[in-house]
C-alpha atoms as a PDB file:
ATOM      1  CA  MET A   1       8.524  -1.613  19.601  1.00  0.00           C
ATOM      2  CA  GLY A   2       7.564   1.897  20.620  1.00  0.00           C
ATOM      3  CA  LYS A   3       5.555   3.381  23.435  1.00  0.00           C
ATOM      4  CA  GLN A   4       1.833   2.902  23.927  1.00  0.00           C
ATOM      5  CA  ALA A   5      -0.348   4.244  21.150  1.00  0.00           C
ATOM      6  CA  ILE A   6      -3.641   2.925  22.520  1.00  0.00           C
ATOM      7  CA  LYS A   7      -4.534   1.853  26.016  1.00  0.00           C
ATOM      8  CA  ALA A   8      -7.974   0.846  27.245  1.00  0.00           C
ATOM      9  CA  GLU A   9      -8.874   0.010  30.816  1.00  0.00           C
ATOM     10  CA  ASN A  10     -12.090  -1.656  31.905  1.00  0.00           C
ATOM     11  CA  LEU A  11     -13.914  -0.554  28.757  1.00  0.00           C
ATOM     12  CA  VAL A  12     -17.663  -1.246  28.784  1.00  0.00           C
ATOM     13  CA  LYS A  13     -20.246  -0.797  26.022  1.00  0.00           C
ATOM     14  CA  HIS A  14     -23.937  -1.535  26.505  1.00  0.00           C
ATOM     15  CA  PHE A  15     -26.729  -0.840  24.039  1.00  0.00           C
ATOM     16  CA  GLY A  16     -30.310  -0.260  25.158  1.00  0.00           C
ATOM     17  CA  LYS A  17     -31.529  -0.537  28.742  1.00  0.00           C
ATOM     18  CA  GLY A  18     -33.810  -2.504  31.013  1.00  0.00           C
ATOM     19  CA  GLU A  19     -34.915  -5.806  29.496  1.00  0.00           C
ATOM     20  CA  SER A  20     -33.519  -4.855  26.077  1.00  0.00           C
ATOM     21  CA  LEU A  21     -29.995  -4.195  27.478  1.00  0.00           C
ATOM     22  CA  VAL A  22     -27.274  -5.786  25.343  1.00  0.00           C
ATOM     23  CA  GLU A  23     -23.746  -6.013  26.788  1.00  0.00           C
ATOM     24  CA  VAL A  24     -21.291  -5.941  23.872  1.00  0.00           C
ATOM     25  CA  ILE A  25     -17.974  -5.196  25.614  1.00  0.00           C
ATOM     26  CA  ASP A  26     -17.721  -5.664  29.380  1.00  0.00           C
ATOM     27  CA  GLY A  27     -14.479  -4.784  31.157  1.00  0.00           C
ATOM     28  CA  ALA A  28     -11.998  -4.927  28.254  1.00  0.00           C
ATOM     29  CA  SER A  29      -8.409  -3.857  29.017  1.00  0.00           C
ATOM     30  CA  PHE A  30      -5.593  -3.937  26.449  1.00  0.00           C
ATOM     31  CA  GLN A  31      -2.697  -1.955  25.020  1.00  0.00           C
ATOM     32  CA  VAL A  32      -1.302  -1.540  21.502  1.00  0.00           C
ATOM     33  CA  ASN A  33       2.145  -0.001  20.990  1.00  0.00           C
ATOM     34  CA  LYS A  34       3.533   2.163  18.233  1.00  0.00           C
ATOM     35  CA  GLY A  35       5.099   0.036  15.490  1.00  0.00           C
ATOM     36  CA  GLU A  36       2.690  -2.891  16.038  1.00  0.00           C
ATOM     37  CA  LEU A  37       0.294  -4.458  13.545  1.00  0.00           C
ATOM     38  CA  VAL A  38      -2.376  -6.198  15.596  1.00  0.00           C
ATOM     39  CA  ALA A  39      -5.199  -8.346  14.194  1.00  0.00           C
ATOM     40  CA  LEU A  40      -8.584  -8.143  15.906  1.00  0.00           C
ATOM     41  CA  VAL A  41     -10.400 -11.433  15.474  1.00  0.00           C
ATOM     42  CA  ALA A  42     -13.811 -12.472  16.803  1.00  0.00           C
ATOM     43  CA  PRO A  43     -17.077 -14.012  15.631  1.00  0.00           C
ATOM     44  CA  SER A  44     -19.607 -11.783  13.853  1.00  0.00           C
ATOM     45  CA  GLY A  45     -21.592  -9.752  16.352  1.00  0.00           C
ATOM     46  CA  ALA A  46     -18.918  -9.991  19.069  1.00  0.00           C
ATOM     47  CA  GLY A  47     -18.261  -6.259  18.987  1.00  0.00           C
ATOM     48  CA  LYS A  48     -15.133  -5.851  16.818  1.00  0.00           C
ATOM     49  CA  THR A  49     -16.404  -2.813  14.905  1.00  0.00           C
ATOM     50  CA  THR A  50     -17.881  -1.332  18.096  1.00  0.00           C
ATOM     51  CA  LEU A  51     -14.488  -1.682  19.807  1.00  0.00           C
ATOM     52  CA  LEU A  52     -12.741  -0.059  16.830  1.00  0.00           C
ATOM     53  CA  MET A  53     -15.237   2.822  16.811  1.00  0.00           C
ATOM     54  CA  MET A  54     -14.761   3.444  20.556  1.00  0.00           C
ATOM     55  CA  ILE A  55     -10.969   3.612  20.157  1.00  0.00           C
ATOM     56  CA  GLY A  56     -11.543   5.854  17.126  1.00  0.00           C
ATOM     57  CA  CYS A  57     -13.610   8.324  19.209  1.00  0.00           C
ATOM     58  CA  VAL A  58     -16.671   7.694  17.034  1.00  0.00           C
ATOM     59  CA  GLU A  59     -18.785   5.549  19.381  1.00  0.00           C
ATOM     60  CA  GLU A  60     -19.045   6.642  23.021  1.00  0.00           C
ATOM     61  CA  PRO A  61     -18.293   3.863  25.544  1.00  0.00           C
ATOM     62  CA  THR A  62     -20.634   3.238  28.487  1.00  0.00           C
ATOM     63  CA  SER A  63     -17.693   3.493  30.908  1.00  0.00           C
ATOM     64  CA  GLY A  64     -13.955   2.872  31.235  1.00  0.00           C
ATOM     65  CA  THR A  65     -10.813   4.745  30.212  1.00  0.00           C
ATOM     66  CA  ILE A  66      -9.070   5.278  26.837  1.00  0.00           C
ATOM     67  CA  TRP A  67      -5.634   6.780  26.202  1.00  0.00           C
ATOM     68  CA  LEU A  68      -4.446   7.678  22.698  1.00  0.00           C
ATOM     69  CA  GLY A  69      -0.692   8.109  22.996  1.00  0.00           C
ATOM     70  CA  ASP A  70      -0.103   9.902  26.310  1.00  0.00           C
ATOM     71  CA  GLU A  71      -3.444  11.721  26.180  1.00  0.00           C
ATOM     72  CA  LYS A  72      -6.345  10.390  28.213  1.00  0.00           C
ATOM     73  CA  VAL A  73      -9.330  11.028  25.929  1.00  0.00           C
ATOM     74  CA  TYR A  74     -12.080   9.167  27.779  1.00  0.00           C
ATOM     75  CA  ALA A  75     -12.716   8.519  31.482  1.00  0.00           C
ATOM     76  CA  ASP A  76     -16.393   7.590  31.906  1.00  0.00           C
ATOM     77  CA  LYS A  77     -17.029  10.565  29.564  1.00  0.00           C
ATOM     78  CA  TRP A  78     -15.172  12.291  26.725  1.00  0.00           C
ATOM     79  CA  LEU A  79     -12.523  14.554  28.207  1.00  0.00           C
ATOM     80  CA  THR A  80     -12.732  16.856  25.198  1.00  0.00           C
ATOM     81  CA  LYS A  81     -15.616  18.254  23.184  1.00  0.00           C
ATOM     82  CA  GLU A  82     -13.362  18.001  20.122  1.00  0.00           C
ATOM     83  CA  THR A  83     -13.580  14.259  19.389  1.00  0.00           C
ATOM     84  CA  ARG A  84     -13.733  15.101  15.668  1.00  0.00           C
ATOM     85  CA  LYS A  85     -10.427  16.980  15.990  1.00  0.00           C
ATOM     86  CA  ILE A  86      -8.823  13.939  17.691  1.00  0.00           C
ATOM     87  CA  ARG A  87     -10.055  11.739  14.834  1.00  0.00           C
ATOM     88  CA  ARG A  88      -8.701  14.121  12.208  1.00  0.00           C
ATOM     89  CA  GLU A  89      -5.307  14.586  13.865  1.00  0.00           C
ATOM     90  CA  LYS A  90      -4.471  11.232  15.471  1.00  0.00           C
ATOM     91  CA  ILE A  91      -6.364   8.504  13.631  1.00  0.00           C
ATOM     92  CA  GLY A  92      -6.500   7.116  10.103  1.00  0.00           C
ATOM     93  CA  PHE A  93      -9.476   4.928   9.160  1.00  0.00           C
ATOM     94  CA  ILE A  94      -9.457   2.242   6.449  1.00  0.00           C
ATOM     95  CA  PHE A  95     -12.634   0.323   5.623  1.00  0.00           C
ATOM     96  CA  GLN A  96     -13.618  -2.736   3.583  1.00  0.00           C
ATOM     97  CA  ALA A  97     -15.091  -0.407   0.949  1.00  0.00           C
ATOM     98  CA  HIS A  98     -12.570   2.253  -0.029  1.00  0.00           C
ATOM     99  CA  TYR A  99     -15.098   5.156   0.157  1.00  0.00           C
ATOM    100  CA  LEU A 100     -13.104   7.312  -2.240  1.00  0.00           C
ATOM    101  CA  ILE A 101     -15.044  10.373  -3.393  1.00  0.00           C
ATOM    102  CA  PRO A 102     -15.968   9.496  -7.006  1.00  0.00           C
ATOM    103  CA  PHE A 103     -15.896  13.046  -8.424  1.00  0.00           C
ATOM    104  CA  LEU A 104     -12.383  13.760  -7.077  1.00  0.00           C
ATOM    105  CA  ASN A 105      -9.244  12.285  -8.627  1.00  0.00           C
ATOM    106  CA  VAL A 106      -6.726  10.237  -6.625  1.00  0.00           C
ATOM    107  CA  ILE A 107      -4.531  13.098  -5.390  1.00  0.00           C
ATOM    108  CA  GLU A 108      -7.591  15.217  -4.500  1.00  0.00           C
ATOM    109  CA  ASN A 109      -8.929  12.339  -2.381  1.00  0.00           C
ATOM    110  CA  VAL A 110      -5.608  12.026  -0.536  1.00  0.00           C
ATOM    111  CA  THR A 111      -5.191  15.793   0.094  1.00  0.00           C
ATOM    112  CA  LEU A 112      -8.751  16.384   1.330  1.00  0.00           C
ATOM    113  CA  VAL A 113      -8.213  15.668   5.071  1.00  0.00           C
ATOM    114  CA  PRO A 114      -4.885  17.539   5.462  1.00  0.00           C
ATOM    115  CA  GLN A 115      -6.387  20.590   3.738  1.00  0.00           C
ATOM    116  CA  THR A 116      -9.427  20.363   6.030  1.00  0.00           C
ATOM    117  CA  ASN A 117      -6.901  20.375   8.914  1.00  0.00           C
ATOM    118  CA  GLY A 118      -5.423  23.636   7.620  1.00  0.00           C
ATOM    119  CA  VAL A 119      -2.393  22.268   5.729  1.00  0.00           C
ATOM    120  CA  SER A 120      -1.615  24.329   2.620  1.00  0.00           C
ATOM    121  CA  GLU A 121      -2.518  22.853  -0.763  1.00  0.00           C
ATOM    122  CA  LYS A 122       1.165  22.790  -1.767  1.00  0.00           C
ATOM    123  CA  GLU A 123       2.248  20.921   1.372  1.00  0.00           C
ATOM    124  CA  ALA A 124      -0.723  18.540   1.186  1.00  0.00           C
ATOM    125  CA  LYS A 125       0.077  17.689  -2.465  1.00  0.00           C
ATOM    126  CA  LYS A 126       3.764  17.106  -1.648  1.00  0.00           C
ATOM    127  CA  THR A 127       2.823  14.646   1.133  1.00  0.00           C
ATOM    128  CA  ALA A 128       0.205  12.990  -1.092  1.00  0.00           C
ATOM    129  CA  MET A 129       2.700  12.412  -3.907  1.00  0.00           C
ATOM    130  CA  GLU A 130       5.231  10.933  -1.450  1.00  0.00           C
ATOM    131  CA  LEU A 131       2.553   8.516  -0.217  1.00  0.00           C
ATOM    132  CA  LEU A 132       1.426   7.590  -3.734  1.00  0.00           C
ATOM    133  CA  GLU A 133       5.063   6.906  -4.660  1.00  0.00           C
ATOM    134  CA  TYR A 134       5.460   4.810  -1.479  1.00  0.00           C
ATOM    135  CA  PHE A 135       2.471   2.728  -2.620  1.00  0.00           C
ATOM    136  CA  GLU A 136       3.688   2.641  -6.243  1.00  0.00           C
ATOM    137  CA  ILE A 137       0.604   4.377  -7.653  1.00  0.00           C
ATOM    138  CA  ALA A 138       2.030   7.869  -8.285  1.00  0.00           C
ATOM    139  CA  ASP A 139       1.295   7.407 -11.999  1.00  0.00           C
ATOM    140  CA  LYS A 140      -2.429   7.253 -11.075  1.00  0.00           C
ATOM    141  CA  ALA A 141      -2.414  10.610  -9.215  1.00  0.00           C
ATOM    142  CA  HIS A 142      -4.759  12.274 -11.719  1.00  0.00           C
ATOM    143  CA  ALA A 143      -6.928   9.218 -12.454  1.00  0.00           C
ATOM    144  CA  MET A 144     -10.472   8.842 -11.122  1.00  0.00           C
ATOM    145  CA  SER A 145     -11.203   5.941  -8.758  1.00  0.00           C
ATOM    146  CA  SER A 146     -13.489   4.378 -11.403  1.00  0.00           C
ATOM    147  CA  GLU A 147     -10.387   3.890 -13.596  1.00  0.00           C
ATOM    148  CA  LEU A 148      -8.514   1.917 -10.905  1.00  0.00           C
ATOM    149  CA  SER A 149      -8.618  -1.735  -9.859  1.00  0.00           C
ATOM    150  CA  GLY A 150      -9.945  -2.771  -6.427  1.00  0.00           C
ATOM    151  CA  GLY A 151      -6.408  -3.244  -5.101  1.00  0.00           C
ATOM    152  CA  GLN A 152      -5.291   0.160  -6.431  1.00  0.00           C
ATOM    153  CA  ASN A 153      -8.315   1.883  -4.881  1.00  0.00           C
ATOM    154  CA  GLN A 154      -7.544   0.243  -1.523  1.00  0.00           C
ATOM    155  CA  ARG A 155      -3.958   1.522  -1.750  1.00  0.00           C
ATOM    156  CA  VAL A 156      -5.278   5.034  -2.384  1.00  0.00           C
ATOM    157  CA  ALA A 157      -7.570   4.643   0.643  1.00  0.00           C
ATOM    158  CA  ILE A 158      -4.545   3.665   2.777  1.00  0.00           C
ATOM    159  CA  ALA A 159      -2.585   6.652   1.438  1.00  0.00           C
ATOM    160  CA  ARG A 160      -5.550   8.867   2.360  1.00  0.00           C
ATOM    161  CA  ALA A 161      -5.617   7.382   5.893  1.00  0.00           C
ATOM    162  CA  LEU A 162      -1.911   8.256   6.262  1.00  0.00           C
ATOM    163  CA  ALA A 163      -2.165  11.770   4.801  1.00  0.00           C
ATOM    164  CA  ASN A 164      -2.808  13.411   8.186  1.00  0.00           C
ATOM    165  CA  ARG A 165       0.251  11.576   9.660  1.00  0.00           C
ATOM    166  CA  PRO A 166      -1.830   9.665  12.241  1.00  0.00           C
ATOM    167  CA  GLN A 167      -0.396   7.848  15.267  1.00  0.00           C
ATOM    168  CA  ILE A 168      -3.021   5.136  14.910  1.00  0.00           C
ATOM    169  CA  ILE A 169      -4.601   3.343  11.945  1.00  0.00           C
ATOM    170  CA  LEU A 170      -7.872   1.471  12.434  1.00  0.00           C
ATOM    171  CA  ALA A 171      -8.637  -0.898   9.555  1.00  0.00           C
ATOM    172  CA  ASP A 172     -12.026  -2.637   9.458  1.00  0.00           C
ATOM    173  CA  GLU A 173     -11.745  -5.694   7.172  1.00  0.00           C
ATOM    174  CA  PRO A 174      -9.526  -3.843   4.670  1.00  0.00           C
ATOM    175  CA  THR A 175      -8.921  -6.981   2.578  1.00  0.00           C
ATOM    176  CA  ALA A 176     -12.461  -8.411   2.490  1.00  0.00           C
ATOM    177  CA  ALA A 177     -13.132  -7.209  -1.069  1.00  0.00           C
ATOM    178  CA  LEU A 178      -9.742  -8.350  -2.437  1.00  0.00           C
ATOM    179  CA  ASP A 179      -8.363 -11.647  -3.732  1.00  0.00           C
ATOM    180  CA  SER A 180      -5.768 -13.488  -1.639  1.00  0.00           C
ATOM    181  CA  LYS A 181      -2.677 -12.075  -3.393  1.00  0.00           C
ATOM    182  CA  ARG A 182      -3.913  -8.475  -3.122  1.00  0.00           C
ATOM    183  CA  SER A 183      -4.963  -9.138   0.490  1.00  0.00           C
ATOM    184  CA  VAL A 184      -1.413 -10.217   1.364  1.00  0.00           C
ATOM    185  CA  ASP A 185      -0.061  -7.098  -0.414  1.00  0.00           C
ATOM    186  CA  VAL A 186      -2.324  -4.804   1.621  1.00  0.00           C
ATOM    187  CA  VAL A 187      -1.476  -6.451   4.972  1.00  0.00           C
ATOM    188  CA  LYS A 188       2.260  -6.365   4.173  1.00  0.00           C
ATOM    189  CA  MET A 189       1.802  -2.683   3.370  1.00  0.00           C
ATOM    190  CA  LEU A 190       0.114  -2.092   6.742  1.00  0.00           C
ATOM    191  CA  LYS A 191       2.989  -3.930   8.456  1.00  0.00           C
ATOM    192  CA  LYS A 192       5.533  -1.791   6.595  1.00  0.00           C
ATOM    193  CA  ILE A 193       3.674   1.384   7.629  1.00  0.00           C
ATOM    194  CA  ALA A 194       3.607   0.264  11.281  1.00  0.00           C
ATOM    195  CA  THR A 195       7.356  -0.379  11.233  1.00  0.00           C
ATOM    196  CA  ASP A 196       8.560   2.483   9.016  1.00  0.00           C
ATOM    197  CA  GLN A 197       6.358   5.202  10.481  1.00  0.00           C
ATOM    198  CA  ASP A 198       6.080   3.930  14.082  1.00  0.00           C
ATOM    199  CA  VAL A 199       2.299   3.800  13.774  1.00  0.00           C
ATOM    200  CA  ALA A 200      -0.026   1.435  15.662  1.00  0.00           C
ATOM    201  CA  VAL A 201      -2.312  -0.502  13.305  1.00  0.00           C
ATOM    202  CA  ILE A 202      -5.356  -2.488  14.461  1.00  0.00           C
ATOM    203  CA  MET A 203      -6.874  -4.569  11.676  1.00  0.00           C
ATOM    204  CA  VAL A 204     -10.181  -6.410  11.972  1.00  0.00           C
ATOM    205  CA  THR A 205     -10.000  -9.536   9.821  1.00  0.00           C
ATOM    206  CA  HIS A 206     -11.819 -12.825   9.249  1.00  0.00           C
ATOM    207  CA  ASP A 207      -9.012 -14.136   7.059  1.00  0.00           C
ATOM    208  CA  GLU A 208      -6.846 -16.642   8.938  1.00  0.00           C
ATOM    209  CA  ALA A 209      -4.179 -16.486   6.214  1.00  0.00           C
ATOM    210  CA  MET A 210      -3.426 -12.867   7.223  1.00  0.00           C
ATOM    211  CA  LEU A 211      -2.637 -13.657  10.877  1.00  0.00           C
ATOM    212  CA  PRO A 212       1.005 -14.802  10.441  1.00  0.00           C
ATOM    213  CA  LEU A 213       1.750 -11.366   8.903  1.00  0.00           C
ATOM    214  CA  CYS A 214       0.692  -9.624  12.152  1.00  0.00           C
ATOM    215  CA  ASP A 215       2.657  -9.069  15.378  1.00  0.00           C
ATOM    216  CA  ARG A 216      -0.105 -10.108  17.713  1.00  0.00           C
ATOM    217  CA  ILE A 217      -3.751 -11.178  17.754  1.00  0.00           C
ATOM    218  CA  LEU A 218      -6.484  -9.695  19.929  1.00  0.00           C
ATOM    219  CA  THR A 219      -9.686 -11.696  20.361  1.00  0.00           C
ATOM    220  CA  ILE A 220     -12.961 -10.821  22.076  1.00  0.00           C
ATOM    221  CA  GLU A 221     -13.839 -13.601  24.515  1.00  0.00           C
ATOM    222  CA  ASP A 222     -16.680 -13.331  27.040  1.00  0.00           C
ATOM    223  CA  ARG A 223     -16.955  -9.632  26.098  1.00  0.00           C
ATOM    224  CA  LYS A 224     -13.328  -9.052  27.133  1.00  0.00           C
ATOM    225  CA  VAL A 225     -10.209  -8.537  24.979  1.00  0.00           C
ATOM    226  CA  VAL A 226      -7.527 -11.242  25.111  1.00  0.00           C
ATOM    227  CA  SER A 227      -4.051 -11.003  23.540  1.00  0.00           C
ATOM    228  CA  HIS A 228      -2.459 -13.988  21.741  1.00  0.00           C
ATOM    229  CA  PRO A 229       0.945 -14.471  20.149  1.00  0.00           C
ATOM    230  CA  VAL A 230       1.301 -15.228  16.418  1.00  0.00           C
ATOM    231  CA  PRO A 231       0.919 -17.687  14.856  1.00  0.00           C
ATOM    232  CA  GLU A 232      -1.521 -19.559  17.008  1.00  0.00           C
ATOM    233  CA  LYS A 233      -4.382 -21.613  15.769  1.00  0.00           C
ATOM    234  CA  ILE A 234      -7.528 -19.671  16.507  1.00  0.00           C
ATOM    235  CA  THR A 235     -10.898 -21.084  15.577  1.00  0.00           C
ATOM    236  CA  MET A 236     -12.558 -18.599  13.280  1.00  0.00           C
ATOM    237  CA  ILE A 237     -16.324 -18.377  13.271  1.00  0.00           C
END
């Protein structure tokens, strides 16, 4: 297990103010290391996506501290104006819907972010083909997403998330639209990525069957984050 990839201390997120104040996360502290696949499990409305978006430098916390790798990125305010740059360079996002761009083919979808980051087209295509081979969909490189199955599209979305060589992957219900066999395939793939590429993966899931495939489980309890070993029976809501 590698060094810390994500560390949060006393993270707080409130929405609204006065009588309409809603406390979503209140004093959450946790760490995720490189090489770990961690499941984030909590009832609907408990703040899982909000927590993911704060770590991903999308949603601004109310207060607290966030480190990504060795870099402190938030301490009661963003420590850089370039949060978009941090997202592009350090983080890969995977969602329940694959969000592939329909008018681009598979390889064009995967090369888009690296080329936006200034990687040459040749280098971006080489990396994209390596990833598509890794996910056993290289033969679909020039297909459109409409020609692929749900599971194949999700694999392309994971390849796209990895194309900028992130240190962290944040996956929000990546298996929700898939059947149980394809769900297991995707989670095993995320585990393989975490191990092979020394990447930290946090996966929000409602699917209890996926938990034994993870290294650890984080839950949100009383607006704080609690770590549990695997497998442990956790009541899903």
